[in-house]
């Protein structure tokens, strides 16, 4: 069974340093996650600066308010350009999330690429069709809007660019 993927692209009218400082800090994840997810960073020793090998623990409530434990590891970091988080324990069979930052005239182009697989074979495939895909699209749409609220809209505005397969 093939992995599912999500790709989002957003232009932000800030410096690469400001974008990197915000999005590479685990403490800021809650600010860009919908409240109904009940998202909390619960790890105590993840450090102040992102590094390869960093482990971050969360509690999330993705479905029916049921709390789940989620642990990710930062597996790659290229300062100011990209980082990758991979699930080590949590709700997915596979979660590989790439965060790319590219300086462009007037700001930064931020691209997220997620590859994921649900557990439970055919039941997971059904769950993806019924609600997982929609939930992930809503999470990334929310992040898009919150990012605009925090850093401003790209001049001339833009529509959310989210591809889900």
Foldseek 3Di string as FASTA:
>chain_A
DFWKKKKWKAWFQDALVVVLLQPQAPVNPVLLFDVQQVKDWDDDPQDGGDDFQGKTWIWTQLPPRDIWIWIWTFHDDDPSAKIWIWTPDTFFPTWIKIWGWDADVRGIMIMIMIITHGPDPPVRVVCCVVPPVVSVVVSVVSSNVSSCVVGNADVVHDDIDMDID
